[in-house]
Protein backbone atom coordinates (compact mmCIF):
# COMPACT_ATOMS: atom_id res chain seq x y z
CA UNK A 1 0.00 0.00 0.00
CA UNK A 2 1.41 3.38 -0.99
CA UNK A 3 1.65 6.02 1.67
CA UNK A 4 0.05 9.38 0.95
CA UNK A 5 2.52 12.18 1.59
CA UNK A 6 1.48 15.60 2.77
CA UNK A 7 4.09 18.35 2.81
CA UNK A 8 3.96 21.63 4.74
CA UNK A 9 5.93 24.55 3.35
CA UNK A 10 6.37 27.08 6.16
CA UNK A 11 6.86 30.57 4.75
CA UNK A 12 5.57 31.54 1.32
CA UNK A 13 8.14 34.05 0.14
CA UNK A 14 10.57 33.88 -2.76
CA UNK A 15 11.80 30.41 -1.74
CA UNK A 16 8.69 28.86 -0.21
CA UNK A 17 6.07 29.69 -2.82
CA UNK A 18 7.91 28.30 -5.88
CA UNK A 19 8.89 25.25 -3.82
CA UNK A 20 5.28 24.68 -2.76
CA UNK A 21 4.12 24.92 -6.37
CA UNK A 22 6.78 22.45 -7.53
CA UNK A 23 5.96 19.87 -4.84
CA UNK A 24 2.21 20.30 -5.40
CA UNK A 25 2.54 18.95 -8.92
CA UNK A 26 3.20 15.50 -7.42
CA UNK A 27 2.18 15.73 -3.73
CA UNK A 28 -0.45 17.19 -1.45
CA UNK A 29 0.99 20.46 -0.08
CA UNK A 30 -0.13 22.98 2.52
CA UNK A 31 1.51 26.36 2.05
CA UNK A 32 1.62 28.04 5.47
CA UNK A 33 2.36 31.67 6.27
CA UNK A 34 1.67 33.76 9.38
CA UNK A 35 0.67 36.70 7.16
CA UNK A 36 -3.08 36.29 6.62
CA UNK A 37 -3.04 38.94 3.88
CA UNK A 38 -0.50 36.86 1.98
CA UNK A 39 -2.69 33.76 2.35
CA UNK A 40 -5.77 35.58 1.05
CA UNK A 41 -3.80 36.98 -1.88
CA UNK A 42 -2.55 33.53 -2.86
CA UNK A 43 -6.00 32.00 -2.47
CA UNK A 44 -7.23 34.66 -4.90
CA UNK A 45 -4.58 33.55 -7.40
CA UNK A 46 -2.34 36.61 -7.18
CA UNK A 47 1.24 37.06 -6.01
CA UNK A 48 2.37 40.60 -5.21
CA UNK A 49 5.99 39.43 -4.90
CA UNK A 50 5.93 38.16 -8.51
CA UNK A 51 7.79 35.01 -7.44
CA UNK A 52 5.29 32.54 -8.87
CA UNK A 53 4.20 31.63 -12.34
CA UNK A 54 0.50 32.46 -12.00
CA UNK A 55 -0.57 29.77 -14.46
CA UNK A 56 1.24 27.11 -12.42
CA UNK A 57 -0.12 28.58 -9.18
CA UNK A 58 -3.66 28.43 -10.53
CA UNK A 59 -3.22 24.89 -11.84
CA UNK A 60 -1.92 23.35 -8.60
CA UNK A 61 -4.39 25.31 -6.45
CA UNK A 62 -7.41 24.25 -8.54
CA UNK A 63 -6.40 20.67 -9.36
CA UNK A 64 -6.40 19.30 -5.82
CA UNK A 65 -7.18 15.71 -5.03
CA UNK A 66 -6.22 13.31 -2.25
CA UNK A 67 -2.72 12.84 -3.69
CA UNK A 68 -1.59 16.24 -4.99
CA UNK A 69 -2.38 19.94 -5.11
CA UNK A 70 -1.82 23.07 -3.06
CA UNK A 71 -3.85 24.72 -0.32
CA UNK A 72 -2.94 27.84 1.64
CA UNK A 73 -3.38 28.44 5.35
CA UNK A 74 -2.37 30.64 8.28
CA UNK A 75 -3.64 28.05 10.78
CA UNK A 76 -1.34 25.52 12.43
CA UNK A 77 -4.30 23.14 12.59
CA UNK A 78 -4.04 22.71 8.83
CA UNK A 79 -0.43 21.50 8.92
CA UNK A 80 -0.47 19.26 11.98
CA UNK A 81 -1.18 16.10 9.96
CA UNK A 82 1.64 16.66 7.45
CA UNK A 83 4.41 14.07 7.01
CA UNK A 84 7.14 16.58 6.11
CA UNK A 85 7.82 20.16 7.16
CA UNK A 86 10.08 22.45 5.15
CA UNK A 87 10.84 25.82 6.74
CA UNK A 88 11.58 28.63 4.28
CA UNK A 89 11.42 31.75 6.43
CA UNK A 90 13.70 34.78 5.99
CA UNK A 91 17.14 34.91 7.60
CA UNK A 92 18.11 38.55 7.09
CA UNK A 93 21.62 39.74 7.92
CA UNK A 94 22.68 42.71 10.02
CA UNK A 95 25.27 45.37 9.16
CA UNK A 96 28.05 42.94 10.17
CA UNK A 97 26.57 40.25 7.90
CA UNK A 98 25.48 38.10 10.84
CA UNK A 99 22.23 36.22 10.19
CA UNK A 100 19.17 37.05 12.26
CA UNK A 101 17.84 33.61 13.14
CA UNK A 102 14.77 34.86 15.03
CA UNK A 103 12.29 34.00 12.24
CA UNK A 104 13.75 30.49 11.99
CA UNK A 105 13.69 29.97 15.76
CA UNK A 106 10.11 31.27 15.96
CA UNK A 107 8.97 28.98 13.15
CA UNK A 108 10.71 26.03 14.82
CA UNK A 109 9.07 26.78 18.17
CA UNK A 110 5.68 27.08 16.48
CA UNK A 111 6.11 23.71 14.75
CA UNK A 112 7.30 22.16 18.00
CA UNK A 113 3.81 22.73 19.39
CA UNK A 114 2.21 20.43 16.80
CA UNK A 115 4.84 17.81 15.98
CA UNK A 116 4.24 14.29 17.18
CA UNK A 117 6.87 11.81 18.35
CA UNK A 118 8.03 9.32 15.77
């Protein structure tokens, strides 16, 4: 029996959104972002960052089934049953070129609340 994979992409910026679209062509994907305006924009089929091919975005968002496709959410409840979590949040650098890991640490702490052992 084949296992159904469900992938969560955490952060839908210039890395996360194209990655979510690519995975959604073959797998069920939940694109998660804490910015509810960003989620609504993507649900409407637009991308103000111009990172996504809108035809591909529309195709994977509309052609959802139990094995593939893309949904968008700002709710942790929607990603808690995923098999894989890929974190693609910003890691900006300061004036000394040191990375600011706060977004990554916050995303990790948030996911820690819903991850299950095993």
